[in-house]
């Protein structure tokens, strides 16, 4: 039992690292190498989640033109698309898991930001100090066409040009009719955002808090 538990723990650590690394690396990629599917905040998360579960060999790295990789093993128990759910990784409706959920539409390859929060993650805290690499920050911006927004907490950068240890990355989604862009900020910078509704503070009603993936629940 001890060996099995250690393996699961190692897989959770590996997933965290790969998920955070892939999200941050998307910020640094040139336009021609950037994954075309990443066009809003939820798309970035789906991409990083899926690719974090891949076998990270040379052909995979070449596909995404990744010049550097973290010194972390791939997740061993499942390697996408050969998972317990196949390619449909994201729950899209409420309810406890049942065996036929795999085929009845309860899981899909697509999930928007709200579904990611409600059905695929769990609430940790509204205190940002509780965040770990790979956790998500969720906001609800009233009056926006797509009110739910999310950012990925990276923590210490995988790209080593800074001593800061509180990095966040996210995709803006469409802005004023344009495609939007990847952004990378520190927590300190976000706390100084000119719009209070984007500051990750407990007293900000638009900040829903720090959330953690359901597949990491047994860490707590």
N, C-alpha and C. Protein backbone atom coordinates (compact mmCIF):
# COMPACT_ATOMS: atom_id res chain seq x y z
N UNK A 1 0.84 -1.20 0.00
CA UNK A 1 0.00 0.00 0.00
C UNK A 1 0.87 1.25 0.00
N UNK A 2 1.98 1.22 0.76
CA UNK A 2 2.81 2.41 0.82
C UNK A 2 3.37 2.75 -0.56
N UNK A 3 3.85 1.76 -1.30
CA UNK A 3 4.39 2.02 -2.62
C UNK A 3 3.34 2.59 -3.56
N UNK A 4 2.14 2.05 -3.48
CA UNK A 4 1.07 2.54 -4.34
C UNK A 4 0.74 4.00 -4.00
N UNK A 5 0.65 4.30 -2.73
CA UNK A 5 0.33 5.68 -2.32
C UNK A 5 1.42 6.63 -2.79
N UNK A 6 2.69 6.21 -2.67
CA UNK A 6 3.79 7.05 -3.11
C UNK A 6 3.69 7.32 -4.60
N UNK A 7 3.33 6.29 -5.38
CA UNK A 7 3.19 6.47 -6.82
C UNK A 7 2.11 7.47 -7.17
N UNK A 8 0.97 7.39 -6.48
CA UNK A 8 -0.10 8.33 -6.72
C UNK A 8 0.31 9.75 -6.35
N UNK A 9 1.02 9.87 -5.23
CA UNK A 9 1.49 11.19 -4.82
C UNK A 9 2.46 11.76 -5.84
N UNK A 10 3.35 10.91 -6.37
CA UNK A 10 4.30 11.35 -7.38
C UNK A 10 3.58 11.80 -8.64
N UNK A 11 2.52 11.10 -9.01
CA UNK A 11 1.75 11.48 -10.18
C UNK A 11 1.07 12.84 -9.97
N UNK A 12 0.58 13.08 -8.78
CA UNK A 12 -0.07 14.37 -8.51
C UNK A 12 0.94 15.51 -8.59
N UNK A 13 2.12 15.28 -8.06
CA UNK A 13 3.18 16.28 -8.14
C UNK A 13 3.57 16.51 -9.59
N UNK A 14 3.72 15.42 -10.35
CA UNK A 14 4.07 15.54 -11.76
C UNK A 14 3.00 16.32 -12.52
N UNK A 15 1.74 16.02 -12.26
CA UNK A 15 0.66 16.73 -12.95
C UNK A 15 0.73 18.22 -12.65
N UNK A 16 0.91 18.57 -11.38
CA UNK A 16 0.99 20.00 -11.02
C UNK A 16 2.09 20.70 -11.82
N UNK A 17 3.27 20.09 -11.85
CA UNK A 17 4.40 20.71 -12.53
C UNK A 17 4.14 20.85 -14.02
N UNK A 18 3.66 19.79 -14.66
CA UNK A 18 3.44 19.85 -16.10
C UNK A 18 2.33 20.82 -16.45
N UNK A 19 1.27 20.83 -15.68
CA UNK A 19 0.16 21.75 -15.94
C UNK A 19 0.63 23.20 -15.85
N UNK A 20 1.33 23.55 -14.78
CA UNK A 20 1.81 24.92 -14.60
C UNK A 20 2.85 25.28 -15.66
N UNK A 21 3.76 24.35 -15.94
CA UNK A 21 4.79 24.61 -16.96
C UNK A 21 4.15 24.87 -18.32
N UNK A 22 3.21 24.05 -18.72
CA UNK A 22 2.61 24.20 -20.05
C UNK A 22 1.84 25.50 -20.16
N UNK A 23 1.17 25.88 -19.09
CA UNK A 23 0.46 27.16 -19.11
C UNK A 23 1.45 28.31 -19.28
N UNK A 24 2.53 28.29 -18.50
CA UNK A 24 3.51 29.37 -18.59
C UNK A 24 4.23 29.35 -19.93
N UNK A 25 4.57 28.17 -20.44
CA UNK A 25 5.30 28.09 -21.70
C UNK A 25 4.47 28.66 -22.85
N UNK A 26 3.15 28.56 -22.76
CA UNK A 26 2.29 29.11 -23.81
C UNK A 26 2.46 30.62 -23.91
N UNK A 27 2.70 31.26 -22.79
CA UNK A 27 2.95 32.71 -22.79
C UNK A 27 4.21 33.04 -23.60
N UNK A 28 5.25 32.21 -23.48
CA UNK A 28 6.53 32.50 -24.11
C UNK A 28 6.61 32.06 -25.57
N UNK A 29 5.70 31.22 -26.01
CA UNK A 29 5.78 30.73 -27.38
C UNK A 29 5.47 31.82 -28.40
N UNK A 30 6.18 31.79 -29.51
CA UNK A 30 5.90 32.70 -30.60
C UNK A 30 4.57 32.32 -31.24
N UNK A 31 3.96 33.27 -31.92
CA UNK A 31 2.60 33.06 -32.45
C UNK A 31 2.50 31.81 -33.30
N UNK A 32 3.50 31.55 -34.13
CA UNK A 32 3.41 30.41 -35.04
C UNK A 32 3.50 29.07 -34.30
N UNK A 33 4.07 29.09 -33.09
CA UNK A 33 4.20 27.85 -32.32
C UNK A 33 3.12 27.72 -31.25
N UNK A 34 2.43 28.78 -30.97
CA UNK A 34 1.42 28.76 -29.91
C UNK A 34 0.24 27.89 -30.31
N UNK A 35 -0.30 27.09 -29.39
CA UNK A 35 -1.44 26.23 -29.73
C UNK A 35 -2.65 27.06 -30.19
N UNK A 36 -3.13 26.76 -31.38
CA UNK A 36 -4.20 27.56 -31.98
C UNK A 36 -5.50 27.48 -31.20
N UNK A 37 -5.69 26.40 -30.46
CA UNK A 37 -6.94 26.23 -29.72
C UNK A 37 -7.07 27.18 -28.54
N UNK A 38 -5.95 27.74 -28.10
CA UNK A 38 -5.98 28.60 -26.91
C UNK A 38 -6.45 30.00 -27.32
N UNK A 39 -7.73 30.27 -27.10
CA UNK A 39 -8.31 31.55 -27.49
C UNK A 39 -9.06 32.23 -26.36
N UNK A 40 -9.06 31.62 -25.17
CA UNK A 40 -9.61 32.27 -23.99
C UNK A 40 -9.07 31.56 -22.76
N UNK A 41 -9.51 31.99 -21.58
CA UNK A 41 -8.93 31.46 -20.35
C UNK A 41 -9.21 29.97 -20.16
N UNK A 42 -10.42 29.55 -20.49
CA UNK A 42 -10.77 28.14 -20.31
C UNK A 42 -10.03 27.25 -21.31
N UNK A 43 -9.82 27.76 -22.52
CA UNK A 43 -9.11 26.98 -23.54
C UNK A 43 -7.66 26.74 -23.11
N UNK A 44 -7.04 27.75 -22.50
CA UNK A 44 -5.68 27.56 -21.99
C UNK A 44 -5.65 26.45 -20.95
N UNK A 45 -6.63 26.43 -20.08
CA UNK A 45 -6.67 25.43 -19.01
C UNK A 45 -6.91 24.04 -19.59
N UNK A 46 -7.83 23.94 -20.54
CA UNK A 46 -8.08 22.62 -21.14
C UNK A 46 -6.84 22.10 -21.83
N UNK A 47 -6.15 22.98 -22.56
CA UNK A 47 -4.92 22.57 -23.26
C UNK A 47 -3.87 22.08 -22.27
N UNK A 48 -3.59 22.88 -21.24
CA UNK A 48 -2.54 22.52 -20.29
C UNK A 48 -2.89 21.25 -19.52
N UNK A 49 -4.15 21.08 -19.17
CA UNK A 49 -4.60 19.89 -18.44
C UNK A 49 -4.40 18.64 -19.30
N UNK A 50 -4.89 18.71 -20.53
CA UNK A 50 -4.78 17.56 -21.42
C UNK A 50 -3.33 17.19 -21.69
N UNK A 51 -2.52 18.20 -22.03
CA UNK A 51 -1.13 17.92 -22.39
C UNK A 51 -0.29 17.53 -21.17
N UNK A 52 -0.71 17.94 -19.98
CA UNK A 52 -0.02 17.50 -18.77
C UNK A 52 -0.12 16.00 -18.56
N UNK A 53 -1.14 15.40 -19.16
CA UNK A 53 -1.37 13.96 -19.02
C UNK A 53 -0.77 13.15 -20.17
N UNK A 54 -0.08 13.80 -21.07
CA UNK A 54 0.58 13.10 -22.18
C UNK A 54 1.88 12.45 -21.73
N UNK A 55 2.41 11.59 -22.58
CA UNK A 55 3.78 11.11 -22.44
C UNK A 55 4.70 12.18 -23.01
N UNK A 56 5.61 12.69 -22.20
CA UNK A 56 6.40 13.85 -22.59
C UNK A 56 7.74 13.41 -23.17
N UNK A 57 7.68 12.90 -24.39
CA UNK A 57 8.89 12.44 -25.07
C UNK A 57 9.31 13.46 -26.13
N UNK A 58 10.35 13.15 -26.88
CA UNK A 58 10.89 14.10 -27.86
C UNK A 58 9.88 14.45 -28.96
N UNK A 59 9.16 13.47 -29.54
CA UNK A 59 8.16 13.85 -30.55
C UNK A 59 7.09 14.78 -30.01
N UNK A 60 6.68 14.55 -28.78
CA UNK A 60 5.67 15.44 -28.18
C UNK A 60 6.24 16.85 -28.02
N UNK A 61 7.46 16.97 -27.52
CA UNK A 61 8.08 18.29 -27.33
C UNK A 61 8.27 19.00 -28.67
N UNK A 62 8.63 18.25 -29.70
CA UNK A 62 8.82 18.85 -31.02
C UNK A 62 7.50 19.35 -31.59
N UNK A 63 6.42 18.63 -31.31
CA UNK A 63 5.10 19.04 -31.80
C UNK A 63 4.75 20.44 -31.33
N UNK A 64 5.09 20.75 -30.07
CA UNK A 64 4.77 22.07 -29.50
C UNK A 64 5.96 23.01 -29.50
N UNK A 65 7.05 22.60 -30.16
CA UNK A 65 8.25 23.44 -30.30
C UNK A 65 8.74 23.95 -28.94
N UNK A 66 8.82 23.02 -28.01
CA UNK A 66 9.27 23.37 -26.66
C UNK A 66 10.78 23.23 -26.58
N UNK A 67 11.46 24.33 -26.35
CA UNK A 67 12.92 24.31 -26.31
C UNK A 67 13.46 23.80 -24.99
N UNK A 68 12.64 23.88 -23.94
CA UNK A 68 13.07 23.38 -22.63
C UNK A 68 11.90 22.64 -21.99
N UNK A 69 12.25 21.70 -21.12
CA UNK A 69 11.25 20.91 -20.40
C UNK A 69 11.65 20.87 -18.94
N UNK A 70 10.67 20.78 -18.04
CA UNK A 70 11.02 20.64 -16.62
C UNK A 70 11.61 19.26 -16.35
N UNK A 71 12.44 19.17 -15.35
CA UNK A 71 13.05 17.89 -14.99
C UNK A 71 12.08 17.11 -14.11
N UNK A 72 10.97 16.71 -14.72
CA UNK A 72 9.88 16.03 -14.02
C UNK A 72 9.41 14.87 -14.88
N UNK A 73 9.19 13.71 -14.28
CA UNK A 73 8.68 12.57 -15.02
C UNK A 73 7.24 12.82 -15.46
N UNK A 74 6.82 12.12 -16.49
CA UNK A 74 5.42 12.18 -16.90
C UNK A 74 4.55 11.47 -15.86
N UNK A 75 3.27 11.83 -15.86
CA UNK A 75 2.31 11.08 -15.05
C UNK A 75 2.32 9.63 -15.52
N UNK A 76 2.39 8.71 -14.58
CA UNK A 76 2.58 7.31 -14.95
C UNK A 76 1.28 6.51 -15.05
N UNK A 77 0.30 6.81 -14.21
CA UNK A 77 -0.89 5.98 -14.16
C UNK A 77 -1.71 6.07 -15.44
N UNK A 78 -1.88 7.27 -15.96
CA UNK A 78 -2.64 7.48 -17.19
C UNK A 78 -1.85 8.38 -18.12
N UNK A 79 -1.92 8.09 -19.40
CA UNK A 79 -1.32 8.98 -20.39
C UNK A 79 -2.34 9.21 -21.50
N UNK A 80 -2.74 10.45 -21.63
CA UNK A 80 -3.79 10.84 -22.57
C UNK A 80 -3.45 10.37 -23.98
N UNK A 81 -4.44 9.84 -24.74
CA UNK A 81 -5.87 9.74 -24.42
C UNK A 81 -6.28 8.46 -23.70
N UNK A 82 -5.28 7.70 -23.22
CA UNK A 82 -5.57 6.43 -22.56
C UNK A 82 -5.76 6.66 -21.06
N UNK A 83 -6.86 7.30 -20.71
CA UNK A 83 -7.21 7.56 -19.32
C UNK A 83 -8.46 6.78 -18.96
N UNK A 84 -8.84 6.84 -17.69
CA UNK A 84 -10.07 6.15 -17.26
C UNK A 84 -11.29 6.71 -17.97
N UNK A 85 -11.20 7.95 -18.46
CA UNK A 85 -12.30 8.59 -19.16
C UNK A 85 -12.07 8.67 -20.66
N UNK A 86 -10.99 8.09 -21.14
CA UNK A 86 -10.64 8.27 -22.55
C UNK A 86 -10.27 9.72 -22.79
N UNK A 87 -10.67 10.28 -23.94
CA UNK A 87 -10.31 11.67 -24.23
C UNK A 87 -11.23 12.71 -23.59
N UNK A 88 -12.33 12.25 -22.98
CA UNK A 88 -13.31 13.21 -22.43
C UNK A 88 -12.97 13.47 -20.95
N UNK A 89 -12.19 14.49 -20.71
CA UNK A 89 -11.58 14.69 -19.39
C UNK A 89 -12.40 15.53 -18.44
N UNK A 90 -13.35 16.33 -18.96
CA UNK A 90 -13.96 17.37 -18.13
C UNK A 90 -15.44 17.10 -17.88
N UNK A 91 -15.79 17.12 -16.59
CA UNK A 91 -17.20 16.93 -16.22
C UNK A 91 -17.98 18.19 -16.58
N UNK A 92 -19.17 18.00 -17.14
CA UNK A 92 -19.96 19.14 -17.62
C UNK A 92 -21.30 19.28 -16.93
N UNK A 93 -21.61 18.40 -15.99
CA UNK A 93 -22.87 18.53 -15.25
C UNK A 93 -22.69 17.97 -13.85
N UNK A 94 -23.55 18.36 -12.92
CA UNK A 94 -23.38 17.94 -11.52
C UNK A 94 -23.73 16.48 -11.31
N UNK A 95 -23.32 15.97 -10.15
CA UNK A 95 -23.66 14.61 -9.78
C UNK A 95 -22.43 13.79 -9.43
N UNK A 96 -22.64 12.78 -8.59
CA UNK A 96 -21.57 11.86 -8.25
C UNK A 96 -21.25 10.99 -9.46
N UNK A 97 -19.99 10.55 -9.54
CA UNK A 97 -19.58 9.75 -10.69
C UNK A 97 -20.31 8.40 -10.71
N UNK A 98 -20.77 8.04 -11.89
CA UNK A 98 -21.37 6.73 -12.13
C UNK A 98 -20.69 6.13 -13.35
N UNK A 99 -20.57 4.81 -13.42
CA UNK A 99 -19.82 4.19 -14.53
C UNK A 99 -20.30 4.61 -15.91
N UNK A 100 -21.61 4.80 -16.08
CA UNK A 100 -22.08 5.15 -17.43
C UNK A 100 -21.85 6.62 -17.77
N UNK A 101 -21.31 7.41 -16.84
CA UNK A 101 -21.00 8.81 -17.14
C UNK A 101 -19.99 8.94 -18.27
N UNK A 102 -19.16 7.91 -18.43
CA UNK A 102 -18.11 7.96 -19.46
C UNK A 102 -18.73 8.05 -20.86
N UNK A 103 -19.92 7.50 -21.01
CA UNK A 103 -20.54 7.43 -22.34
C UNK A 103 -21.83 8.21 -22.46
N UNK A 104 -22.36 8.77 -21.37
CA UNK A 104 -23.67 9.42 -21.44
C UNK A 104 -23.61 10.94 -21.57
N UNK A 105 -22.42 11.48 -21.81
CA UNK A 105 -22.30 12.92 -22.01
C UNK A 105 -21.97 13.71 -20.77
N UNK A 106 -21.81 13.04 -19.62
CA UNK A 106 -21.46 13.77 -18.39
C UNK A 106 -20.05 14.34 -18.46
N UNK A 107 -19.19 13.74 -19.29
CA UNK A 107 -17.84 14.24 -19.51
C UNK A 107 -17.65 14.59 -20.98
N UNK A 108 -16.81 15.58 -21.23
CA UNK A 108 -16.57 16.03 -22.60
C UNK A 108 -15.14 16.54 -22.73
N UNK A 109 -14.72 16.75 -23.97
CA UNK A 109 -13.41 17.35 -24.21
C UNK A 109 -13.44 18.85 -23.99
N UNK A 110 -14.63 19.44 -24.03
CA UNK A 110 -14.80 20.88 -23.85
C UNK A 110 -15.51 21.17 -22.53
N UNK A 111 -15.06 22.22 -21.85
CA UNK A 111 -15.77 22.74 -20.68
C UNK A 111 -15.43 24.22 -20.57
N UNK A 112 -16.44 25.04 -20.32
CA UNK A 112 -16.17 26.46 -20.16
C UNK A 112 -15.69 26.75 -18.74
N UNK A 113 -15.35 28.01 -18.48
CA UNK A 113 -14.76 28.36 -17.19
C UNK A 113 -15.70 28.03 -16.04
N UNK A 114 -16.99 28.28 -16.21
CA UNK A 114 -17.93 27.99 -15.13
C UNK A 114 -18.00 26.50 -14.84
N UNK A 115 -18.02 25.68 -15.89
CA UNK A 115 -18.06 24.22 -15.69
C UNK A 115 -16.77 23.71 -15.06
N UNK A 116 -15.66 24.30 -15.44
CA UNK A 116 -14.39 23.91 -14.81
C UNK A 116 -14.43 24.17 -13.31
N UNK A 117 -14.99 25.30 -12.93
CA UNK A 117 -15.06 25.62 -11.50
C UNK A 117 -16.06 24.72 -10.78
N UNK A 118 -17.26 24.60 -11.32
CA UNK A 118 -18.34 23.90 -10.63
C UNK A 118 -18.13 22.39 -10.55
N UNK A 119 -17.62 21.80 -11.61
CA UNK A 119 -17.65 20.34 -11.72
C UNK A 119 -16.29 19.66 -11.77
N UNK A 120 -15.21 20.43 -11.88
CA UNK A 120 -13.90 19.81 -12.05
C UNK A 120 -12.87 20.25 -11.01
N UNK A 121 -13.22 21.22 -10.20
CA UNK A 121 -12.33 21.70 -9.15
C UNK A 121 -13.11 21.85 -7.85
N UNK A 122 -12.41 22.09 -6.78
CA UNK A 122 -13.07 22.35 -5.50
C UNK A 122 -12.45 23.58 -4.84
N UNK A 123 -13.26 24.23 -4.05
CA UNK A 123 -12.84 25.47 -3.40
C UNK A 123 -11.79 25.19 -2.33
N UNK A 124 -10.74 26.02 -2.32
CA UNK A 124 -9.68 25.91 -1.32
C UNK A 124 -9.75 27.06 -0.33
N UNK A 125 -9.71 28.29 -0.84
CA UNK A 125 -9.66 29.44 0.05
C UNK A 125 -9.83 30.72 -0.77
N UNK A 126 -10.20 31.79 -0.08
CA UNK A 126 -10.14 33.11 -0.69
C UNK A 126 -8.89 33.86 -0.24
N UNK A 127 -8.02 33.15 0.44
CA UNK A 127 -6.71 33.66 0.85
C UNK A 127 -5.70 33.12 -0.15
N UNK A 128 -5.08 34.00 -0.92
CA UNK A 128 -4.19 33.58 -1.99
C UNK A 128 -2.95 32.85 -1.50
N UNK A 129 -2.62 33.00 -0.22
CA UNK A 129 -1.45 32.31 0.31
C UNK A 129 -1.64 30.79 0.32
N UNK A 130 -2.86 30.33 0.13
CA UNK A 130 -3.14 28.90 0.10
C UNK A 130 -2.87 28.28 -1.26
N UNK A 131 -2.60 29.10 -2.27
CA UNK A 131 -2.43 28.59 -3.64
C UNK A 131 -1.13 27.82 -3.79
N UNK A 132 -1.20 26.74 -4.56
CA UNK A 132 -0.03 25.96 -4.95
C UNK A 132 0.07 25.96 -6.47
N UNK A 133 1.23 25.60 -6.97
CA UNK A 133 1.41 25.55 -8.41
C UNK A 133 0.34 24.67 -9.05
N UNK A 134 -0.30 25.19 -10.09
CA UNK A 134 -1.33 24.44 -10.79
C UNK A 134 -2.74 24.70 -10.29
N UNK A 135 -2.88 25.47 -9.20
CA UNK A 135 -4.22 25.85 -8.74
C UNK A 135 -4.78 26.94 -9.65
N UNK A 136 -6.09 27.16 -9.53
CA UNK A 136 -6.79 28.13 -10.37
C UNK A 136 -7.40 29.23 -9.51
N UNK A 137 -7.37 30.44 -10.04
CA UNK A 137 -8.09 31.57 -9.44
C UNK A 137 -9.31 31.85 -10.32
N UNK A 138 -10.47 31.97 -9.70
CA UNK A 138 -11.69 32.25 -10.46
C UNK A 138 -12.26 33.60 -10.06
N UNK A 139 -12.78 34.29 -11.08
CA UNK A 139 -13.44 35.58 -10.90
C UNK A 139 -14.79 35.51 -11.60
N UNK A 140 -15.77 36.25 -11.06
CA UNK A 140 -17.04 36.45 -11.75
C UNK A 140 -17.23 37.96 -11.93
N UNK A 141 -17.16 38.38 -13.18
CA UNK A 141 -17.26 39.81 -13.51
C UNK A 141 -18.66 40.10 -14.05
N UNK A 142 -19.49 40.63 -13.20
CA UNK A 142 -20.86 40.94 -13.60
C UNK A 142 -20.86 41.95 -14.76
N UNK A 143 -21.76 41.73 -15.69
CA UNK A 143 -21.87 42.63 -16.83
C UNK A 143 -21.04 42.20 -18.02
N UNK A 144 -20.13 41.23 -17.85
CA UNK A 144 -19.36 40.72 -18.97
C UNK A 144 -20.19 39.69 -19.72
N UNK A 145 -19.95 39.61 -21.03
CA UNK A 145 -20.68 38.61 -21.84
C UNK A 145 -20.37 37.20 -21.34
N UNK A 146 -19.12 36.96 -20.98
CA UNK A 146 -18.71 35.69 -20.37
C UNK A 146 -18.18 36.03 -18.98
N UNK A 147 -19.03 35.97 -17.96
CA UNK A 147 -18.65 36.53 -16.65
C UNK A 147 -17.57 35.76 -15.91
N UNK A 148 -17.44 34.46 -16.15
CA UNK A 148 -16.47 33.68 -15.39
C UNK A 148 -15.10 33.73 -16.08
N UNK A 149 -14.09 34.05 -15.30
CA UNK A 149 -12.72 34.11 -15.79
C UNK A 149 -11.81 33.37 -14.83
N UNK A 150 -10.74 32.84 -15.36
CA UNK A 150 -9.83 32.07 -14.52
C UNK A 150 -8.38 32.32 -14.89
N UNK A 151 -7.52 32.21 -13.90
CA UNK A 151 -6.07 32.36 -14.05
C UNK A 151 -5.40 31.15 -13.42
N UNK A 152 -4.21 30.85 -13.88
CA UNK A 152 -3.45 29.71 -13.37
C UNK A 152 -2.31 30.21 -12.48
N UNK A 153 -2.26 29.69 -11.27
CA UNK A 153 -1.17 30.03 -10.36
C UNK A 153 0.03 29.14 -10.68
N UNK A 154 1.13 29.76 -11.10
CA UNK A 154 2.35 29.04 -11.44
C UNK A 154 3.29 28.98 -10.25
N UNK A 155 3.33 30.06 -9.48
CA UNK A 155 4.30 30.14 -8.39
C UNK A 155 5.66 30.52 -8.95
N UNK A 156 6.68 29.77 -8.61
CA UNK A 156 8.03 30.03 -9.13
C UNK A 156 8.07 29.73 -10.61
N UNK A 157 8.64 30.66 -11.39
CA UNK A 157 8.68 30.51 -12.84
C UNK A 157 9.54 29.32 -13.26
N UNK A 158 9.12 28.67 -14.34
CA UNK A 158 9.92 27.60 -14.94
C UNK A 158 10.95 28.16 -15.91
N UNK A 159 10.93 29.47 -16.11
CA UNK A 159 11.80 30.07 -17.11
C UNK A 159 12.90 30.92 -16.49
N UNK A 160 12.99 30.95 -15.17
CA UNK A 160 14.18 31.30 -14.44
C UNK A 160 14.78 32.68 -14.60
N UNK A 161 14.08 33.60 -15.28
CA UNK A 161 14.69 34.91 -15.46
C UNK A 161 14.35 35.86 -14.33
N UNK A 162 13.61 35.39 -13.34
CA UNK A 162 13.16 36.26 -12.26
C UNK A 162 13.24 35.53 -10.93
N UNK A 163 13.46 36.30 -9.88
CA UNK A 163 13.47 35.71 -8.54
C UNK A 163 12.07 35.67 -7.94
N UNK A 164 11.09 36.27 -8.61
CA UNK A 164 9.73 36.24 -8.09
C UNK A 164 9.21 34.81 -8.03
N UNK A 165 8.38 34.54 -7.04
CA UNK A 165 7.88 33.17 -6.85
C UNK A 165 6.36 33.12 -6.79
N UNK A 166 5.73 34.13 -7.39
CA UNK A 166 4.26 34.18 -7.31
C UNK A 166 3.64 34.54 -8.66
N UNK A 167 4.08 33.85 -9.72
CA UNK A 167 3.60 34.15 -11.06
C UNK A 167 2.22 33.57 -11.33
N UNK A 168 1.47 34.28 -12.15
CA UNK A 168 0.18 33.83 -12.66
C UNK A 168 0.21 33.98 -14.18
N UNK A 169 -0.50 33.09 -14.88
CA UNK A 169 -0.67 33.24 -16.32
C UNK A 169 -2.15 33.06 -16.67
N UNK A 170 -2.55 33.71 -17.74
CA UNK A 170 -3.94 33.57 -18.20
C UNK A 170 -4.07 34.10 -19.61
N UNK A 171 -5.15 33.75 -20.25
CA UNK A 171 -5.50 34.30 -21.56
C UNK A 171 -6.68 35.24 -21.36
N UNK A 172 -6.59 36.40 -21.97
CA UNK A 172 -7.64 37.40 -21.76
C UNK A 172 -8.96 37.04 -22.41
N UNK A 173 -8.93 36.19 -23.45
CA UNK A 173 -10.11 36.03 -24.28
C UNK A 173 -10.27 37.25 -25.17
N UNK A 174 -11.28 37.26 -26.04
CA UNK A 174 -11.46 38.39 -26.96
C UNK A 174 -11.59 39.73 -26.24
N UNK A 175 -10.93 40.74 -26.79
CA UNK A 175 -10.99 42.10 -26.23
C UNK A 175 -11.32 43.08 -27.36
N UNK A 176 -12.44 43.76 -27.22
CA UNK A 176 -12.83 44.80 -28.18
C UNK A 176 -12.74 44.32 -29.62
N UNK A 177 -13.25 43.12 -29.86
CA UNK A 177 -13.28 42.61 -31.23
C UNK A 177 -11.98 41.97 -31.69
N UNK A 178 -10.95 41.96 -30.83
CA UNK A 178 -9.67 41.33 -31.17
C UNK A 178 -9.54 40.00 -30.44
N UNK A 179 -8.57 39.21 -30.88
CA UNK A 179 -8.46 37.83 -30.39
C UNK A 179 -8.04 37.73 -28.94
N UNK A 180 -7.47 38.77 -28.38
CA UNK A 180 -6.96 38.68 -27.01
C UNK A 180 -5.55 38.13 -26.99
N UNK A 181 -5.02 37.90 -25.79
CA UNK A 181 -3.61 37.53 -25.69
C UNK A 181 -3.32 36.81 -24.38
N UNK A 182 -2.17 36.15 -24.37
CA UNK A 182 -1.65 35.57 -23.14
C UNK A 182 -1.04 36.68 -22.30
N UNK A 183 -1.22 36.58 -20.98
CA UNK A 183 -0.59 37.53 -20.07
C UNK A 183 0.03 36.77 -18.91
N UNK A 184 1.05 37.38 -18.34
CA UNK A 184 1.80 36.79 -17.23
C UNK A 184 2.09 37.91 -16.25
N UNK A 185 1.64 37.75 -15.03
CA UNK A 185 1.81 38.79 -14.01
C UNK A 185 2.18 38.13 -12.69
N UNK A 186 2.73 38.91 -11.80
CA UNK A 186 2.95 38.43 -10.44
C UNK A 186 1.71 38.75 -9.61
N UNK A 187 1.58 38.05 -8.50
CA UNK A 187 0.48 38.34 -7.59
C UNK A 187 0.55 39.80 -7.15
N UNK A 188 1.76 40.27 -6.87
CA UNK A 188 1.92 41.67 -6.45
C UNK A 188 1.36 42.63 -7.49
N UNK A 189 1.63 42.37 -8.75
CA UNK A 189 1.11 43.22 -9.82
C UNK A 189 -0.41 43.14 -9.89
N UNK A 190 -0.95 41.94 -9.76
CA UNK A 190 -2.40 41.78 -9.84
C UNK A 190 -3.10 42.49 -8.68
N UNK A 191 -2.48 42.45 -7.53
CA UNK A 191 -3.05 43.14 -6.37
C UNK A 191 -3.10 44.65 -6.54
N UNK A 192 -2.36 45.15 -7.53
CA UNK A 192 -2.35 46.58 -7.82
C UNK A 192 -3.14 46.91 -9.08
N UNK A 193 -3.92 45.95 -9.57
CA UNK A 193 -4.70 46.17 -10.80
C UNK A 193 -5.57 47.41 -10.63
N UNK A 194 -5.64 48.26 -11.67
CA UNK A 194 -6.44 49.49 -11.54
C UNK A 194 -7.93 49.25 -11.30
N UNK A 195 -8.44 48.07 -11.72
CA UNK A 195 -9.83 47.72 -11.44
C UNK A 195 -9.87 46.79 -10.23
N UNK A 196 -10.50 47.24 -9.17
CA UNK A 196 -10.53 46.47 -7.93
C UNK A 196 -11.11 45.07 -8.14
N UNK A 197 -12.04 44.94 -9.10
CA UNK A 197 -12.71 43.65 -9.31
C UNK A 197 -11.76 42.56 -9.79
N UNK A 198 -10.53 42.93 -10.22
CA UNK A 198 -9.56 41.93 -10.65
C UNK A 198 -8.52 41.63 -9.57
N UNK A 199 -8.64 42.25 -8.43
CA UNK A 199 -7.67 41.99 -7.37
C UNK A 199 -8.09 40.75 -6.57
N UNK A 200 -7.19 39.78 -6.39
CA UNK A 200 -7.53 38.55 -5.67
C UNK A 200 -7.52 38.75 -4.15
N UNK A 201 -8.52 39.46 -3.69
CA UNK A 201 -8.65 39.78 -2.27
C UNK A 201 -9.96 39.23 -1.73
N UNK A 202 -9.96 38.81 -0.48
CA UNK A 202 -11.16 38.26 0.13
C UNK A 202 -12.30 39.28 0.15
N UNK A 203 -11.96 40.56 0.26
CA UNK A 203 -13.00 41.59 0.31
C UNK A 203 -13.51 42.00 -1.06
N UNK A 204 -12.98 41.40 -2.12
CA UNK A 204 -13.45 41.65 -3.47
C UNK A 204 -14.52 40.62 -3.83
N UNK A 205 -15.78 41.01 -3.95
CA UNK A 205 -16.84 40.03 -4.22
C UNK A 205 -16.71 39.34 -5.57
N UNK A 206 -15.96 39.94 -6.50
CA UNK A 206 -15.78 39.32 -7.81
C UNK A 206 -14.76 38.19 -7.79
N UNK A 207 -13.92 38.16 -6.75
CA UNK A 207 -12.92 37.10 -6.62
C UNK A 207 -13.55 35.92 -5.91
N UNK A 208 -13.72 34.82 -6.63
CA UNK A 208 -14.39 33.65 -6.07
C UNK A 208 -13.45 32.78 -5.24
N UNK A 209 -12.15 32.93 -5.46
CA UNK A 209 -11.20 32.22 -4.63
C UNK A 209 -10.24 31.34 -5.40
N UNK A 210 -9.44 30.60 -4.62
CA UNK A 210 -8.49 29.63 -5.14
C UNK A 210 -9.20 28.28 -5.21
N UNK A 211 -9.06 27.61 -6.34
CA UNK A 211 -9.66 26.29 -6.53
C UNK A 211 -8.59 25.30 -6.95
N UNK A 212 -8.84 24.03 -6.63
CA UNK A 212 -7.87 22.96 -6.91
C UNK A 212 -8.57 21.85 -7.69
N UNK A 213 -7.84 21.23 -8.59
CA UNK A 213 -8.40 20.16 -9.41
C UNK A 213 -8.91 19.00 -8.55
N UNK A 214 -10.04 18.45 -8.93
CA UNK A 214 -10.58 17.30 -8.20
C UNK A 214 -9.62 16.12 -8.18
N UNK A 215 -8.85 15.95 -9.23
CA UNK A 215 -7.92 14.82 -9.25
C UNK A 215 -6.79 14.97 -8.24
N UNK A 216 -6.66 16.16 -7.64
CA UNK A 216 -5.65 16.39 -6.61
C UNK A 216 -6.24 16.40 -5.21
N UNK A 217 -7.50 16.07 -5.09
CA UNK A 217 -8.20 16.22 -3.81
C UNK A 217 -7.54 15.43 -2.68
N UNK A 218 -7.02 14.28 -2.96
CA UNK A 218 -6.46 13.44 -1.90
C UNK A 218 -5.17 14.01 -1.33
N UNK A 219 -4.64 15.09 -1.93
CA UNK A 219 -3.48 15.74 -1.33
C UNK A 219 -3.83 16.36 0.01
N UNK A 220 -5.06 16.85 0.14
CA UNK A 220 -5.47 17.62 1.33
C UNK A 220 -5.93 16.73 2.47
